[in-house]
Amino acid sequence: MPKMKSNSGAKKRFSLTGTGKVKRKHAFKSHILTKKSTKRKRFLTHTDTVSKVDTKRVKALLAK
């Protein structure tokens, strides 16, 4: 049986932690930043984990 291919878009957007959780970046941090407050932009910089509901789906896209 052939290997599972991982989704190219998901490879660029998600990564796994050592414990198997899925890390993601926040949206709305790429452009039109002038109207957003400094605090808002700063908190969008930090990474977050994917919610428990979506973890299984994202791992399937990553072929894990």
C-alpha atoms as a PDB file:
ATOM      1  CA  MET A   1       0.000   0.000   0.000  1.00  0.00           C
ATOM      2  CA  PRO A   2       1.439   3.449  -0.882  1.00  0.00           C
ATOM      3  CA  LYS A   3       2.389   5.988   1.723  1.00  0.00           C
ATOM      4  CA  MET A   4      -0.104   8.685   2.701  1.00  0.00           C
ATOM      5  CA  LYS A   5       0.694  12.066   1.205  1.00  0.00           C
ATOM      6  CA  SER A   6       0.549  14.999   3.572  1.00  0.00           C
ATOM      7  CA  ASN A   7      -1.372  18.083   2.482  1.00  0.00           C
ATOM      8  CA  SER A   8       1.084  20.750   1.252  1.00  0.00           C
ATOM      9  CA  GLY A   9      -0.958  23.629   2.663  1.00  0.00           C
ATOM     10  CA  ALA A  10      -1.215  21.957   6.067  1.00  0.00           C
ATOM     11  CA  LYS A  11       2.544  21.303   6.141  1.00  0.00           C
ATOM     12  CA  LYS A  12       3.152  25.049   5.886  1.00  0.00           C
ATOM     13  CA  ARG A  13       0.546  26.024   8.495  1.00  0.00           C
ATOM     14  CA  PHE A  14       0.806  23.446  11.281  1.00  0.00           C
ATOM     15  CA  SER A  15       3.531  21.702  13.260  1.00  0.00           C
ATOM     16  CA  LEU A  16       3.498  19.084  15.979  1.00  0.00           C
ATOM     17  CA  THR A  17       4.805  19.544  19.508  1.00  0.00           C
ATOM     18  CA  GLY A  18       6.753  16.883  21.359  1.00  0.00           C
ATOM     19  CA  THR A  19       3.604  15.710  23.148  1.00  0.00           C
ATOM     20  CA  GLY A  20       1.643  15.373  19.884  1.00  0.00           C
ATOM     21  CA  LYS A  21      -0.389  18.573  20.074  1.00  0.00           C
ATOM     22  CA  VAL A  22      -0.769  20.636  16.905  1.00  0.00           C
ATOM     23  CA  LYS A  23       0.608  24.184  16.856  1.00  0.00           C
ATOM     24  CA  ARG A  24      -0.878  26.916  14.697  1.00  0.00           C
ATOM     25  CA  LYS A  25      -0.406  30.618  14.070  1.00  0.00           C
ATOM     26  CA  HIS A  26      -3.051  33.288  14.482  1.00  0.00           C
ATOM     27  CA  ALA A  27      -4.855  34.742  11.486  1.00  0.00           C
ATOM     28  CA  PHE A  28      -5.156  38.486  10.680  1.00  0.00           C
ATOM     29  CA  LYS A  29      -1.448  39.285  11.084  1.00  0.00           C
ATOM     30  CA  SER A  30      -0.375  39.614   7.448  1.00  0.00           C
ATOM     31  CA  HIS A  31      -1.607  42.979   6.140  1.00  0.00           C
ATOM     32  CA  ILE A  32      -3.801  46.015   6.920  1.00  0.00           C
ATOM     33  CA  LEU A  33      -1.999  46.332  10.244  1.00  0.00           C
ATOM     34  CA  THR A  34      -2.347  50.108  10.621  1.00  0.00           C
ATOM     35  CA  LYS A  35      -5.869  49.956  12.033  1.00  0.00           C
ATOM     36  CA  LYS A  36      -5.005  47.201  14.534  1.00  0.00           C
ATOM     37  CA  SER A  37      -3.723  48.154  17.959  1.00  0.00           C
ATOM     38  CA  THR A  38      -0.177  47.307  19.022  1.00  0.00           C
ATOM     39  CA  LYS A  39      -1.511  45.019  21.748  1.00  0.00           C
ATOM     40  CA  ARG A  40      -3.698  43.124  19.287  1.00  0.00           C
ATOM     41  CA  LYS A  41      -0.796  42.661  16.846  1.00  0.00           C
ATOM     42  CA  ARG A  42       1.497  41.524  19.649  1.00  0.00           C
ATOM     43  CA  PHE A  43      -0.915  38.821  20.816  1.00  0.00           C
ATOM     44  CA  LEU A  44      -1.484  37.622  17.255  1.00  0.00           C
ATOM     45  CA  THR A  45       2.265  36.919  17.031  1.00  0.00           C
ATOM     46  CA  HIS A  46       2.132  34.110  19.626  1.00  0.00           C
ATOM     47  CA  THR A  47       1.447  30.550  18.547  1.00  0.00           C
ATOM     48  CA  ASP A  48      -1.518  28.594  19.846  1.00  0.00           C
ATOM     49  CA  THR A  49      -2.659  24.976  19.791  1.00  0.00           C
ATOM     50  CA  VAL A  50      -5.404  23.654  17.548  1.00  0.00           C
ATOM     51  CA  SER A  51      -8.630  22.933  19.442  1.00  0.00           C
ATOM     52  CA  LYS A  52      -9.280  19.345  20.519  1.00  0.00           C
ATOM     53  CA  VAL A  53     -12.180  19.051  18.071  1.00  0.00           C
ATOM     54  CA  ASP A  54     -10.014  19.845  15.027  1.00  0.00           C
ATOM     55  CA  THR A  55      -6.820  18.034  16.062  1.00  0.00           C
ATOM     56  CA  LYS A  56      -7.812  14.712  14.485  1.00  0.00           C
ATOM     57  CA  ARG A  57      -8.649  16.368  11.158  1.00  0.00           C
ATOM     58  CA  VAL A  58      -5.383  18.338  11.040  1.00  0.00           C
ATOM     59  CA  LYS A  59      -3.315  15.260  11.898  1.00  0.00           C
ATOM     60  CA  ALA A  60      -4.989  13.423   9.012  1.00  0.00           C
ATOM     61  CA  LEU A  61      -3.943  16.229   6.672  1.00  0.00           C
ATOM     62  CA  LEU A  62      -0.392  15.926   7.992  1.00  0.00           C
ATOM     63  CA  ALA A  63      -0.570  12.127   7.501  1.00  0.00           C
ATOM     64  CA  LYS A  64       0.257  11.448  11.173  1.00  0.00           C
END
